[in-house]
Amino acid sequence: MPTVSVYDMTGKETGKIELSDEVFGIQPNKTVLHSAVVNYLANQRQGNQSTLTRAEVRGGGKKPWRQKGTGHARHGSIRSPQWTHGGVAHGPKPRSFRLSLPKKVRRLAFKSAFSSKVASGDMIVVESLKLDEIKTKSMVNVLGALGVDSKALIVLSEPDNNVIKSSRNIPGVKTAQVNTLNVYDILNADKFIVVRDAVSKIEEVYK
């Protein structure tokens, strides 16, 4: 079983915690992780970009000049794609980029992401994370005590307004609950900070 240290909010080690082999100790599957990241990023796309075709551009119903005898190339409409202010040929139209992954693949991707953070030593378990007030400076001090000076994902066992609002103005720092985690955020964070109660919830969900 992988074992990691547990820290308090001052950065002092308070003990050790054994993690589940099934969730935090597997060999990360890079192919599945790639699929999960592509799936997440694709699902973030709005797909609402749109251009007007020649049929949708106003005007152009009249033939600009007669077919023959003018010395000009023949044209039937001033809204053809080759004209300025004409319609767009083969332009983007609203569409869904949404992808889906099988449930077993999603679970394996999460386990691979968790295990990769443990293997690289980037998972930090905190005994508890409580702030008396909403104050960004307090959260900065906590992260500094834990040795976090880059992108971090803080996983809470339950929504905590003080922690969430104190973290949201810190560049590169995000908060999440166990039920709102995604593989992209886990991999994108340099440090994966998890409250001790959230560790047991993760193991309960993904075992």
N, C-alpha and C. Protein backbone atom coordinates (compact mmCIF):
# COMPACT_ATOMS: atom_id res chain seq x y z
N MET A 1 0.84 -1.20 0.00
CA MET A 1 0.00 0.00 0.00
C MET A 1 0.87 1.25 0.00
N PRO A 2 0.58 2.22 -0.88
CA PRO A 2 1.34 3.47 -0.84
C PRO A 2 1.03 4.24 0.45
N THR A 3 2.04 4.87 1.00
CA THR A 3 1.89 5.64 2.24
C THR A 3 2.36 7.07 2.00
N VAL A 4 1.57 8.04 2.45
CA VAL A 4 1.96 9.45 2.34
C VAL A 4 1.84 10.11 3.70
N SER A 5 2.56 11.20 3.86
CA SER A 5 2.52 11.94 5.12
C SER A 5 1.26 12.80 5.19
N VAL A 6 0.83 13.04 6.44
CA VAL A 6 -0.31 13.92 6.69
C VAL A 6 0.21 15.17 7.39
N TYR A 7 -0.23 16.34 6.93
CA TYR A 7 0.23 17.60 7.49
C TYR A 7 -0.93 18.39 8.06
N ASP A 8 -0.58 19.29 9.00
CA ASP A 8 -1.60 20.22 9.45
C ASP A 8 -1.46 21.53 8.65
N MET A 9 -2.23 22.53 8.98
CA MET A 9 -2.25 23.76 8.19
C MET A 9 -0.98 24.60 8.34
N THR A 10 -0.16 24.25 9.35
CA THR A 10 1.11 24.97 9.53
C THR A 10 2.26 24.28 8.81
N GLY A 11 1.96 23.16 8.14
CA GLY A 11 3.00 22.44 7.42
C GLY A 11 3.72 21.40 8.25
N LYS A 12 3.27 21.20 9.49
CA LYS A 12 3.90 20.22 10.38
C LYS A 12 3.33 18.83 10.11
N GLU A 13 4.21 17.83 10.00
CA GLU A 13 3.76 16.45 9.76
C GLU A 13 3.12 15.89 11.03
N THR A 14 1.90 15.39 10.88
CA THR A 14 1.17 14.86 12.04
C THR A 14 1.04 13.35 12.03
N GLY A 15 1.47 12.71 10.94
CA GLY A 15 1.37 11.26 10.86
C GLY A 15 1.46 10.77 9.43
N LYS A 16 1.06 9.50 9.26
CA LYS A 16 1.08 8.88 7.95
C LYS A 16 -0.30 8.31 7.64
N ILE A 17 -0.58 8.14 6.39
CA ILE A 17 -1.84 7.52 6.00
C ILE A 17 -1.56 6.51 4.88
N GLU A 18 -2.17 5.34 5.04
CA GLU A 18 -2.03 4.30 4.01
C GLU A 18 -3.16 4.46 3.00
N LEU A 19 -2.78 4.47 1.74
CA LEU A 19 -3.75 4.65 0.66
C LEU A 19 -4.09 3.31 0.02
N SER A 20 -5.27 3.24 -0.56
CA SER A 20 -5.70 2.01 -1.21
C SER A 20 -4.88 1.73 -2.47
N ASP A 21 -4.42 0.48 -2.59
CA ASP A 21 -3.67 0.07 -3.78
C ASP A 21 -4.54 0.17 -5.03
N GLU A 22 -5.83 -0.13 -4.88
CA GLU A 22 -6.73 -0.15 -6.03
C GLU A 22 -6.95 1.23 -6.64
N VAL A 23 -6.83 2.27 -5.81
CA VAL A 23 -7.13 3.63 -6.26
C VAL A 23 -5.87 4.46 -6.45
N PHE A 24 -4.92 4.33 -5.53
CA PHE A 24 -3.75 5.20 -5.55
C PHE A 24 -2.45 4.46 -5.88
N GLY A 25 -2.54 3.16 -6.16
CA GLY A 25 -1.30 2.41 -6.35
C GLY A 25 -1.22 1.62 -7.65
N ILE A 26 -2.03 1.98 -8.65
CA ILE A 26 -1.98 1.22 -9.90
C ILE A 26 -0.94 1.82 -10.85
N GLN A 27 -0.63 1.09 -11.90
CA GLN A 27 0.25 1.62 -12.94
C GLN A 27 -0.59 2.53 -13.84
N PRO A 28 -0.25 3.83 -13.89
CA PRO A 28 -1.07 4.76 -14.70
C PRO A 28 -1.13 4.34 -16.17
N ASN A 29 -2.33 4.37 -16.72
CA ASN A 29 -2.54 4.03 -18.13
C ASN A 29 -2.54 5.33 -18.94
N LYS A 30 -1.45 5.60 -19.67
CA LYS A 30 -1.30 6.87 -20.37
C LYS A 30 -2.32 7.02 -21.50
N THR A 31 -2.68 5.92 -22.15
CA THR A 31 -3.66 6.00 -23.24
C THR A 31 -5.02 6.43 -22.71
N VAL A 32 -5.42 5.86 -21.59
CA VAL A 32 -6.71 6.20 -20.99
C VAL A 32 -6.69 7.64 -20.47
N LEU A 33 -5.57 8.06 -19.90
CA LEU A 33 -5.46 9.44 -19.41
C LEU A 33 -5.60 10.43 -20.57
N HIS A 34 -4.96 10.10 -21.70
CA HIS A 34 -5.06 10.97 -22.88
C HIS A 34 -6.50 11.06 -23.36
N SER A 35 -7.19 9.92 -23.40
CA SER A 35 -8.59 9.90 -23.84
C SER A 35 -9.47 10.75 -22.91
N ALA A 36 -9.20 10.67 -21.60
CA ALA A 36 -10.00 11.42 -20.63
C ALA A 36 -9.78 12.92 -20.78
N VAL A 37 -8.54 13.32 -21.03
CA VAL A 37 -8.23 14.75 -21.20
C VAL A 37 -8.87 15.28 -22.49
N VAL A 38 -8.74 14.52 -23.58
CA VAL A 38 -9.36 14.93 -24.85
C VAL A 38 -10.88 15.04 -24.68
N ASN A 39 -11.46 14.08 -23.97
CA ASN A 39 -12.91 14.08 -23.72
C ASN A 39 -13.32 15.33 -22.93
N TYR A 40 -12.57 15.65 -21.90
CA TYR A 40 -12.90 16.83 -21.07
C TYR A 40 -12.79 18.13 -21.87
N LEU A 41 -11.69 18.29 -22.59
CA LEU A 41 -11.49 19.52 -23.35
C LEU A 41 -12.52 19.68 -24.48
N ALA A 42 -12.87 18.56 -25.12
CA ALA A 42 -13.87 18.61 -26.17
C ALA A 42 -15.23 19.03 -25.60
N ASN A 43 -15.55 18.55 -24.41
CA ASN A 43 -16.84 18.87 -23.81
C ASN A 43 -16.91 20.30 -23.28
N GLN A 44 -15.76 20.98 -23.18
CA GLN A 44 -15.76 22.38 -22.77
C GLN A 44 -16.06 23.31 -23.94
N ARG A 45 -15.96 22.80 -25.17
CA ARG A 45 -16.18 23.64 -26.35
C ARG A 45 -17.67 23.96 -26.51
N GLN A 46 -17.97 25.23 -26.76
CA GLN A 46 -19.36 25.63 -26.90
C GLN A 46 -19.95 25.23 -28.25
N GLY A 47 -19.14 25.26 -29.28
CA GLY A 47 -19.63 24.85 -30.60
C GLY A 47 -20.68 25.78 -31.17
N ASN A 48 -20.63 27.08 -30.82
CA ASN A 48 -21.66 28.00 -31.30
C ASN A 48 -21.13 28.98 -32.36
N GLN A 49 -19.93 28.72 -32.91
CA GLN A 49 -19.41 29.57 -33.97
C GLN A 49 -20.25 29.37 -35.23
N SER A 50 -20.56 30.47 -35.92
CA SER A 50 -21.44 30.37 -37.08
C SER A 50 -21.11 31.43 -38.11
N THR A 51 -21.18 31.07 -39.38
CA THR A 51 -21.01 32.04 -40.47
C THR A 51 -22.22 31.95 -41.39
N LEU A 52 -22.41 32.99 -42.21
CA LEU A 52 -23.56 33.03 -43.12
C LEU A 52 -23.17 32.45 -44.48
N THR A 53 -24.01 31.59 -45.00
CA THR A 53 -23.81 31.08 -46.36
C THR A 53 -24.37 32.10 -47.35
N ARG A 54 -24.18 31.88 -48.64
CA ARG A 54 -24.69 32.82 -49.65
C ARG A 54 -26.22 32.90 -49.61
N ALA A 55 -26.86 31.87 -49.12
CA ALA A 55 -28.31 31.88 -49.03
C ALA A 55 -28.80 32.73 -47.86
N GLU A 56 -27.92 32.97 -46.88
CA GLU A 56 -28.33 33.68 -45.67
C GLU A 56 -27.91 35.16 -45.68
N VAL A 57 -27.02 35.54 -46.59
CA VAL A 57 -26.59 36.94 -46.67
C VAL A 57 -27.67 37.77 -47.37
N ARG A 58 -27.94 38.94 -46.82
CA ARG A 58 -28.98 39.79 -47.39
C ARG A 58 -28.55 40.34 -48.75
N GLY A 59 -29.46 40.33 -49.72
CA GLY A 59 -29.19 40.90 -51.04
C GLY A 59 -28.69 39.86 -52.02
N GLY A 60 -28.28 40.36 -53.19
CA GLY A 60 -27.69 39.46 -54.19
C GLY A 60 -28.69 38.73 -55.05
N GLY A 61 -29.97 39.13 -54.99
CA GLY A 61 -30.96 38.42 -55.79
C GLY A 61 -30.95 38.79 -57.26
N LYS A 62 -30.36 39.92 -57.56
CA LYS A 62 -30.35 40.39 -58.95
C LYS A 62 -29.01 40.06 -59.61
N LYS A 63 -29.07 39.60 -60.85
CA LYS A 63 -27.85 39.34 -61.60
C LYS A 63 -27.14 40.68 -61.84
N PRO A 64 -25.84 40.80 -61.44
CA PRO A 64 -25.18 42.11 -61.49
C PRO A 64 -25.04 42.71 -62.89
N TRP A 65 -24.84 41.89 -63.89
CA TRP A 65 -24.81 42.37 -65.29
C TRP A 65 -25.16 41.21 -66.20
N ARG A 66 -25.44 41.53 -67.46
CA ARG A 66 -25.88 40.48 -68.37
C ARG A 66 -24.76 39.45 -68.57
N GLN A 67 -25.16 38.29 -69.04
CA GLN A 67 -24.25 37.16 -69.14
C GLN A 67 -23.10 37.42 -70.12
N LYS A 68 -23.41 37.99 -71.29
CA LYS A 68 -22.40 38.11 -72.35
C LYS A 68 -22.20 39.54 -72.81
N GLY A 69 -21.04 39.81 -73.37
CA GLY A 69 -20.82 41.06 -74.08
C GLY A 69 -20.27 42.20 -73.25
N THR A 70 -20.06 42.01 -71.94
CA THR A 70 -19.58 43.13 -71.12
C THR A 70 -18.06 43.11 -70.93
N GLY A 71 -17.44 41.98 -71.19
CA GLY A 71 -16.01 41.85 -70.92
C GLY A 71 -15.73 41.40 -69.49
N HIS A 72 -16.76 41.37 -68.65
CA HIS A 72 -16.61 40.88 -67.28
C HIS A 72 -16.81 39.38 -67.23
N ALA A 73 -16.33 38.77 -66.16
CA ALA A 73 -16.64 37.36 -65.94
C ALA A 73 -18.13 37.25 -65.62
N ARG A 74 -18.70 36.11 -65.94
CA ARG A 74 -20.14 35.93 -65.71
C ARG A 74 -20.40 35.75 -64.21
N HIS A 75 -21.44 36.38 -63.73
CA HIS A 75 -21.84 36.26 -62.32
C HIS A 75 -23.35 36.24 -62.23
N GLY A 76 -23.84 35.53 -61.22
CA GLY A 76 -25.28 35.48 -61.02
C GLY A 76 -25.71 36.20 -59.77
N SER A 77 -24.75 36.47 -58.86
CA SER A 77 -25.11 37.11 -57.59
C SER A 77 -23.88 37.80 -57.01
N ILE A 78 -24.08 38.95 -56.39
CA ILE A 78 -22.95 39.63 -55.73
C ILE A 78 -22.75 39.11 -54.30
N ARG A 79 -23.48 38.06 -53.94
CA ARG A 79 -23.31 37.45 -52.61
C ARG A 79 -22.65 36.07 -52.70
N SER A 80 -22.06 35.75 -53.86
CA SER A 80 -21.28 34.52 -54.00
C SER A 80 -20.04 34.62 -53.11
N PRO A 81 -19.46 33.50 -52.70
CA PRO A 81 -18.32 33.52 -51.76
C PRO A 81 -17.12 34.33 -52.24
N GLN A 82 -16.90 34.44 -53.56
CA GLN A 82 -15.72 35.17 -54.02
C GLN A 82 -15.87 36.68 -53.96
N TRP A 83 -17.08 37.17 -53.68
CA TRP A 83 -17.33 38.60 -53.60
C TRP A 83 -17.12 39.10 -52.17
N THR A 84 -16.64 40.37 -52.05
CA THR A 84 -16.62 41.02 -50.74
C THR A 84 -18.05 41.14 -50.23
N HIS A 85 -18.26 40.85 -48.98
CA HIS A 85 -19.59 40.84 -48.35
C HIS A 85 -20.45 39.67 -48.85
N GLY A 86 -19.83 38.72 -49.54
CA GLY A 86 -20.57 37.55 -49.97
C GLY A 86 -20.67 36.52 -48.85
N GLY A 87 -21.36 35.43 -49.12
CA GLY A 87 -21.49 34.36 -48.14
C GLY A 87 -20.17 33.62 -47.97
N VAL A 88 -20.08 32.83 -46.92
CA VAL A 88 -18.87 32.04 -46.63
C VAL A 88 -19.09 30.61 -47.08
N ALA A 89 -18.14 30.10 -47.88
CA ALA A 89 -18.25 28.71 -48.35
C ALA A 89 -17.63 27.77 -47.31
N HIS A 90 -18.35 26.74 -46.95
CA HIS A 90 -17.88 25.70 -46.03
C HIS A 90 -17.44 26.26 -44.69
N GLY A 91 -18.10 27.33 -44.22
CA GLY A 91 -17.76 27.92 -42.93
C GLY A 91 -18.32 27.12 -41.77
N PRO A 92 -17.91 27.45 -40.54
CA PRO A 92 -18.41 26.72 -39.36
C PRO A 92 -19.88 27.01 -39.09
N LYS A 93 -20.56 26.01 -38.60
CA LYS A 93 -21.95 26.13 -38.18
C LYS A 93 -22.07 25.55 -36.77
N PRO A 94 -23.05 25.98 -35.99
CA PRO A 94 -23.20 25.43 -34.64
C PRO A 94 -23.25 23.90 -34.65
N ARG A 95 -22.46 23.30 -33.76
CA ARG A 95 -22.41 21.84 -33.68
C ARG A 95 -21.97 21.45 -32.28
N SER A 96 -22.19 20.23 -31.92
CA SER A 96 -21.75 19.72 -30.62
C SER A 96 -20.45 18.95 -30.78
N PHE A 97 -19.47 19.28 -29.94
CA PHE A 97 -18.20 18.58 -29.94
C PHE A 97 -18.17 17.49 -28.86
N ARG A 98 -19.30 17.27 -28.24
CA ARG A 98 -19.35 16.41 -27.06
C ARG A 98 -18.92 14.98 -27.37
N LEU A 99 -18.08 14.46 -26.47
CA LEU A 99 -17.64 13.06 -26.55
C LEU A 99 -18.07 12.35 -25.28
N SER A 100 -18.07 11.04 -25.32
CA SER A 100 -18.39 10.28 -24.11
C SER A 100 -17.41 9.13 -23.97
N LEU A 101 -17.17 8.76 -22.73
CA LEU A 101 -16.28 7.64 -22.43
C LEU A 101 -17.06 6.57 -21.67
N PRO A 102 -16.75 5.31 -21.88
CA PRO A 102 -17.38 4.26 -21.08
C PRO A 102 -17.08 4.46 -19.59
N LYS A 103 -17.99 4.02 -18.77
CA LYS A 103 -17.84 4.21 -17.32
C LYS A 103 -16.55 3.59 -16.79
N LYS A 104 -16.21 2.40 -17.27
CA LYS A 104 -15.00 1.72 -16.78
C LYS A 104 -13.74 2.47 -17.19
N VAL A 105 -13.77 3.08 -18.36
CA VAL A 105 -12.62 3.86 -18.83
C VAL A 105 -12.47 5.12 -17.98
N ARG A 106 -13.58 5.77 -17.65
CA ARG A 106 -13.53 6.96 -16.80
C ARG A 106 -12.95 6.63 -15.42
N ARG A 107 -13.39 5.52 -14.86
CA ARG A 107 -12.90 5.12 -13.54
C ARG A 107 -11.40 4.82 -13.59
N LEU A 108 -10.98 4.13 -14.63
CA LEU A 108 -9.56 3.82 -14.78
C LEU A 108 -8.73 5.09 -14.96
N ALA A 109 -9.29 6.07 -15.66
CA ALA A 109 -8.59 7.34 -15.85
C ALA A 109 -8.40 8.06 -14.52
N PHE A 110 -9.44 8.08 -13.69
CA PHE A 110 -9.32 8.70 -12.37
C PHE A 110 -8.27 7.99 -11.52
N LYS A 111 -8.32 6.66 -11.50
CA LYS A 111 -7.35 5.90 -10.71
C LYS A 111 -5.93 6.15 -11.21
N SER A 112 -5.77 6.23 -12.52
CA SER A 112 -4.45 6.49 -13.11
C SER A 112 -3.95 7.88 -12.72
N ALA A 113 -4.86 8.86 -12.72
CA ALA A 113 -4.49 10.22 -12.34
C ALA A 113 -4.08 10.30 -10.87
N PHE A 114 -4.88 9.66 -10.00
CA PHE A 114 -4.54 9.64 -8.57
C PHE A 114 -3.18 8.97 -8.35
N SER A 115 -2.99 7.83 -8.98
CA SER A 115 -1.76 7.06 -8.80
C SER A 115 -0.54 7.81 -9.31
N SER A 116 -0.71 8.56 -10.40
CA SER A 116 0.42 9.30 -10.95
C SER A 116 0.86 10.42 -10.00
N LYS A 117 -0.10 11.03 -9.30
CA LYS A 117 0.24 12.07 -8.33
C LYS A 117 0.96 11.49 -7.11
N VAL A 118 0.53 10.32 -6.68
CA VAL A 118 1.20 9.67 -5.55
C VAL A 118 2.61 9.25 -5.95
N ALA A 119 2.74 8.65 -7.13
CA ALA A 119 4.04 8.16 -7.60
C ALA A 119 5.05 9.29 -7.77
N SER A 120 4.58 10.47 -8.18
CA SER A 120 5.49 11.60 -8.40
C SER A 120 5.73 12.41 -7.13
N GLY A 121 5.06 12.04 -6.03
CA GLY A 121 5.23 12.75 -4.77
C GLY A 121 4.53 14.09 -4.72
N ASP A 122 3.54 14.28 -5.58
CA ASP A 122 2.84 15.57 -5.66
C ASP A 122 1.49 15.58 -4.95
N MET A 123 1.19 14.51 -4.22
CA MET A 123 -0.05 14.47 -3.45
C MET A 123 0.24 14.87 -2.01
N ILE A 124 -0.49 15.85 -1.51
CA ILE A 124 -0.33 16.33 -0.14
C ILE A 124 -1.65 16.11 0.61
N VAL A 125 -1.58 15.36 1.70
CA VAL A 125 -2.78 15.12 2.51
C VAL A 125 -2.75 16.05 3.71
N VAL A 126 -3.85 16.78 3.89
CA VAL A 126 -3.96 17.74 5.00
C VAL A 126 -4.99 17.20 6.00
N GLU A 127 -4.64 17.26 7.28
CA GLU A 127 -5.52 16.75 8.33
C GLU A 127 -6.90 17.41 8.25
N SER A 128 -6.91 18.71 8.16
CA SER A 128 -8.16 19.47 7.98
C SER A 128 -7.81 20.83 7.39
N LEU A 129 -8.78 21.45 6.78
CA LEU A 129 -8.57 22.77 6.16
C LEU A 129 -9.76 23.65 6.53
N LYS A 130 -9.57 24.47 7.56
CA LYS A 130 -10.64 25.36 8.04
C LYS A 130 -10.10 26.77 8.20
N LEU A 131 -10.84 27.74 7.72
CA LEU A 131 -10.49 29.14 7.88
C LEU A 131 -11.61 29.86 8.63
N ASP A 132 -11.23 30.77 9.52
CA ASP A 132 -12.23 31.49 10.31
C ASP A 132 -12.97 32.54 9.51
N GLU A 133 -12.33 33.03 8.44
CA GLU A 133 -12.95 34.07 7.63
C GLU A 133 -12.50 33.93 6.18
N ILE A 134 -13.17 34.67 5.31
CA ILE A 134 -12.77 34.66 3.90
C ILE A 134 -11.62 35.64 3.74
N LYS A 135 -10.43 35.10 3.57
CA LYS A 135 -9.25 35.95 3.47
C LYS A 135 -8.20 35.25 2.60
N THR A 136 -7.90 35.87 1.48
CA THR A 136 -6.94 35.28 0.54
C THR A 136 -5.58 35.10 1.18
N LYS A 137 -5.17 36.07 1.99
CA LYS A 137 -3.85 36.01 2.62
C LYS A 137 -3.71 34.78 3.52
N SER A 138 -4.79 34.42 4.21
CA SER A 138 -4.76 33.24 5.07
C SER A 138 -4.51 31.98 4.26
N MET A 139 -5.16 31.89 3.10
CA MET A 139 -4.98 30.72 2.24
C MET A 139 -3.58 30.70 1.64
N VAL A 140 -3.05 31.87 1.29
CA VAL A 140 -1.69 31.96 0.76
C VAL A 140 -0.70 31.46 1.81
N ASN A 141 -0.92 31.81 3.08
CA ASN A 141 -0.04 31.37 4.17
C ASN A 141 -0.09 29.85 4.35
N VAL A 142 -1.28 29.28 4.23
CA VAL A 142 -1.42 27.83 4.35
C VAL A 142 -0.67 27.12 3.24
N LEU A 143 -0.86 27.60 2.00
CA LEU A 143 -0.17 26.99 0.86
C LEU A 143 1.34 27.14 0.98
N GLY A 144 1.78 28.30 1.48
CA GLY A 144 3.21 28.51 1.68
C GLY A 144 3.78 27.54 2.71
N ALA A 145 3.01 27.30 3.79
CA ALA A 145 3.46 26.37 4.83
C ALA A 145 3.56 24.94 4.30
N LEU A 146 2.71 24.62 3.32
CA LEU A 146 2.73 23.27 2.73
C LEU A 146 3.75 23.16 1.59
N GLY A 147 4.43 24.25 1.30
CA GLY A 147 5.45 24.23 0.25
C GLY A 147 4.88 24.29 -1.15
N VAL A 148 3.69 24.87 -1.29
CA VAL A 148 3.04 24.96 -2.59
C VAL A 148 3.28 26.36 -3.16
N ASP A 149 3.97 26.44 -4.29
CA ASP A 149 4.23 27.74 -4.90
C ASP A 149 3.89 27.75 -6.39
N SER A 150 3.04 26.79 -6.80
CA SER A 150 2.65 26.71 -8.21
C SER A 150 1.19 26.27 -8.29
N LYS A 151 0.79 25.77 -9.44
CA LYS A 151 -0.61 25.36 -9.63
C LYS A 151 -0.99 24.25 -8.65
N ALA A 152 -2.16 24.38 -8.06
CA ALA A 152 -2.60 23.40 -7.07
C ALA A 152 -4.10 23.17 -7.17
N LEU A 153 -4.49 21.94 -6.89
CA LEU A 153 -5.91 21.57 -6.83
C LEU A 153 -6.19 21.13 -5.40
N ILE A 154 -7.11 21.83 -4.74
CA ILE A 154 -7.48 21.52 -3.36
C ILE A 154 -8.79 20.75 -3.36
N VAL A 155 -8.77 19.54 -2.81
CA VAL A 155 -9.98 18.70 -2.80
C VAL A 155 -10.55 18.67 -1.38
N LEU A 156 -11.79 19.14 -1.24
CA LEU A 156 -12.46 19.18 0.05
C LEU A 156 -13.45 18.04 0.17
N SER A 157 -13.71 17.62 1.39
CA SER A 157 -14.70 16.56 1.59
C SER A 157 -16.11 17.11 1.49
N GLU A 158 -16.27 18.38 1.88
CA GLU A 158 -17.57 19.06 1.80
C GLU A 158 -17.33 20.51 1.38
N PRO A 159 -18.30 21.15 0.74
CA PRO A 159 -18.12 22.55 0.35
C PRO A 159 -17.85 23.44 1.57
N ASP A 160 -16.82 24.25 1.49
CA ASP A 160 -16.47 25.17 2.57
C ASP A 160 -16.32 26.56 1.95
N ASN A 161 -17.28 27.41 2.21
CA ASN A 161 -17.33 28.73 1.58
C ASN A 161 -16.08 29.56 1.86
N ASN A 162 -15.58 29.48 3.09
CA ASN A 162 -14.41 30.28 3.46
C ASN A 162 -13.17 29.84 2.67
N VAL A 163 -12.98 28.55 2.54
CA VAL A 163 -11.82 28.02 1.82
C VAL A 163 -11.96 28.30 0.31
N ILE A 164 -13.15 28.06 -0.22
CA ILE A 164 -13.37 28.24 -1.66
C ILE A 164 -13.16 29.70 -2.06
N LYS A 165 -13.74 30.64 -1.31
CA LYS A 165 -13.64 32.06 -1.67
C LYS A 165 -12.26 32.64 -1.35
N SER A 166 -11.57 32.04 -0.39
CA SER A 166 -10.22 32.51 -0.07
C SER A 166 -9.20 32.03 -1.10
N SER A 167 -9.57 31.00 -1.85
CA SER A 167 -8.64 30.41 -2.83
C SER A 167 -8.83 30.94 -4.24
N ARG A 168 -10.02 31.46 -4.53
CA ARG A 168 -10.37 31.70 -5.93
C ARG A 168 -9.59 32.85 -6.58
N ASN A 169 -8.99 33.74 -5.76
CA ASN A 169 -8.21 34.84 -6.33
C ASN A 169 -6.72 34.52 -6.42
N ILE A 170 -6.33 33.33 -6.01
CA ILE A 170 -4.91 32.94 -6.08
C ILE A 170 -4.66 32.32 -7.45
N PRO A 171 -3.78 32.88 -8.24
CA PRO A 171 -3.52 32.33 -9.59
C PRO A 171 -3.09 30.87 -9.54
N GLY A 172 -3.74 30.05 -10.37
CA GLY A 172 -3.34 28.66 -10.49
C GLY A 172 -3.92 27.73 -9.44
N VAL A 173 -4.70 28.27 -8.51
CA VAL A 173 -5.27 27.44 -7.43
C VAL A 173 -6.76 27.22 -7.67
N LYS A 174 -7.18 25.96 -7.63
CA LYS A 174 -8.58 25.62 -7.81
C LYS A 174 -9.04 24.75 -6.64
N THR A 175 -10.32 24.80 -6.37
CA THR A 175 -10.89 23.93 -5.33
C THR A 175 -11.94 23.02 -5.97
N ALA A 176 -12.14 21.86 -5.36
CA ALA A 176 -13.14 20.92 -5.87
C ALA A 176 -13.58 20.01 -4.73
N GLN A 177 -14.73 19.38 -4.92
CA GLN A 177 -15.17 18.32 -4.01
C GLN A 177 -14.97 16.99 -4.73
N VAL A 178 -15.11 15.92 -3.99
CA VAL A 178 -14.89 14.59 -4.57
C VAL A 178 -15.81 14.34 -5.76
N ASN A 179 -17.05 14.85 -5.67
CA ASN A 179 -18.02 14.60 -6.75
C ASN A 179 -17.89 15.58 -7.92
N THR A 180 -16.97 16.55 -7.83
CA THR A 180 -16.79 17.48 -8.94
C THR A 180 -15.39 17.38 -9.56
N LEU A 181 -14.66 16.36 -9.18
CA LEU A 181 -13.30 16.18 -9.71
C LEU A 181 -13.34 15.82 -11.19
N ASN A 182 -12.30 16.21 -11.91
CA ASN A 182 -12.13 15.72 -13.27
C ASN A 182 -10.64 15.46 -13.51
N VAL A 183 -10.36 14.55 -14.43
CA VAL A 183 -8.99 14.09 -14.68
C VAL A 183 -8.09 15.24 -15.15
N TYR A 184 -8.63 16.12 -15.98
CA TYR A 184 -7.81 17.22 -16.51
C TYR A 184 -7.27 18.10 -15.39
N ASP A 185 -8.13 18.49 -14.43
CA ASP A 185 -7.68 19.35 -13.33
C ASP A 185 -6.65 18.66 -12.46
N ILE A 186 -6.82 17.35 -12.25
CA ILE A 186 -5.85 16.61 -11.43
C ILE A 186 -4.48 16.61 -12.09
N LEU A 187 -4.44 16.31 -13.38
CA LEU A 187 -3.17 16.25 -14.10
C LEU A 187 -2.56 17.63 -14.31
N ASN A 188 -3.42 18.64 -14.46
CA ASN A 188 -2.94 19.99 -14.75
C ASN A 188 -2.31 20.66 -13.52
N ALA A 189 -2.69 20.19 -12.33
CA ALA A 189 -2.17 20.78 -11.10
C ALA A 189 -0.79 20.21 -10.78
N ASP A 190 0.10 21.09 -10.33
CA ASP A 190 1.43 20.62 -9.92
C ASP A 190 1.36 19.93 -8.56
N LYS A 191 0.45 20.41 -7.70
CA LYS A 191 0.27 19.79 -6.38
C LYS A 191 -1.20 19.42 -6.19
N PHE A 192 -1.41 18.20 -5.71
CA PHE A 192 -2.75 17.66 -5.49
C PHE A 192 -2.97 17.60 -3.99
N ILE A 193 -3.69 18.61 -3.46
CA ILE A 193 -3.88 18.73 -2.00
C ILE A 193 -5.25 18.17 -1.64
N VAL A 194 -5.25 17.17 -0.76
CA VAL A 194 -6.51 16.49 -0.41
C VAL A 194 -6.69 16.50 1.10
N VAL A 195 -7.85 16.91 1.54
CA VAL A 195 -8.19 16.84 2.97
C VAL A 195 -8.37 15.36 3.33
N ARG A 196 -7.94 15.00 4.54
CA ARG A 196 -7.94 13.58 4.94
C ARG A 196 -9.30 12.92 4.78
N ASP A 197 -10.37 13.62 5.15
CA ASP A 197 -11.71 13.04 5.01
C ASP A 197 -12.05 12.78 3.55
N ALA A 198 -11.51 13.61 2.65
CA ALA A 198 -11.80 13.44 1.23
C ALA A 198 -11.09 12.21 0.67
N VAL A 199 -9.96 11.83 1.28
CA VAL A 199 -9.23 10.64 0.81
C VAL A 199 -10.10 9.40 0.96
N SER A 200 -10.74 9.27 2.12
CA SER A 200 -11.60 8.10 2.35
C SER A 200 -12.80 8.11 1.41
N LYS A 201 -13.32 9.31 1.08
CA LYS A 201 -14.45 9.39 0.15
C LYS A 201 -14.02 8.99 -1.25
N ILE A 202 -12.83 9.41 -1.65
CA ILE A 202 -12.30 9.02 -2.97
C ILE A 202 -12.17 7.51 -3.07
N GLU A 203 -11.61 6.91 -2.01
CA GLU A 203 -11.43 5.46 -2.00
C GLU A 203 -12.78 4.75 -2.03
N GLU A 204 -13.76 5.31 -1.33
CA GLU A 204 -15.11 4.71 -1.31
C GLU A 204 -15.76 4.75 -2.69
N VAL A 205 -15.56 5.86 -3.41
CA VAL A 205 -16.19 6.03 -4.72
C VAL A 205 -15.50 5.20 -5.80
N TYR A 206 -14.16 5.15 -5.80
CA TYR A 206 -13.43 4.58 -6.92
C TYR A 206 -12.88 3.17 -6.69
N LYS A 207 -13.13 2.59 -5.52
CA LYS A 207 -12.66 1.23 -5.28
C LYS A 207 -13.40 0.23 -6.16
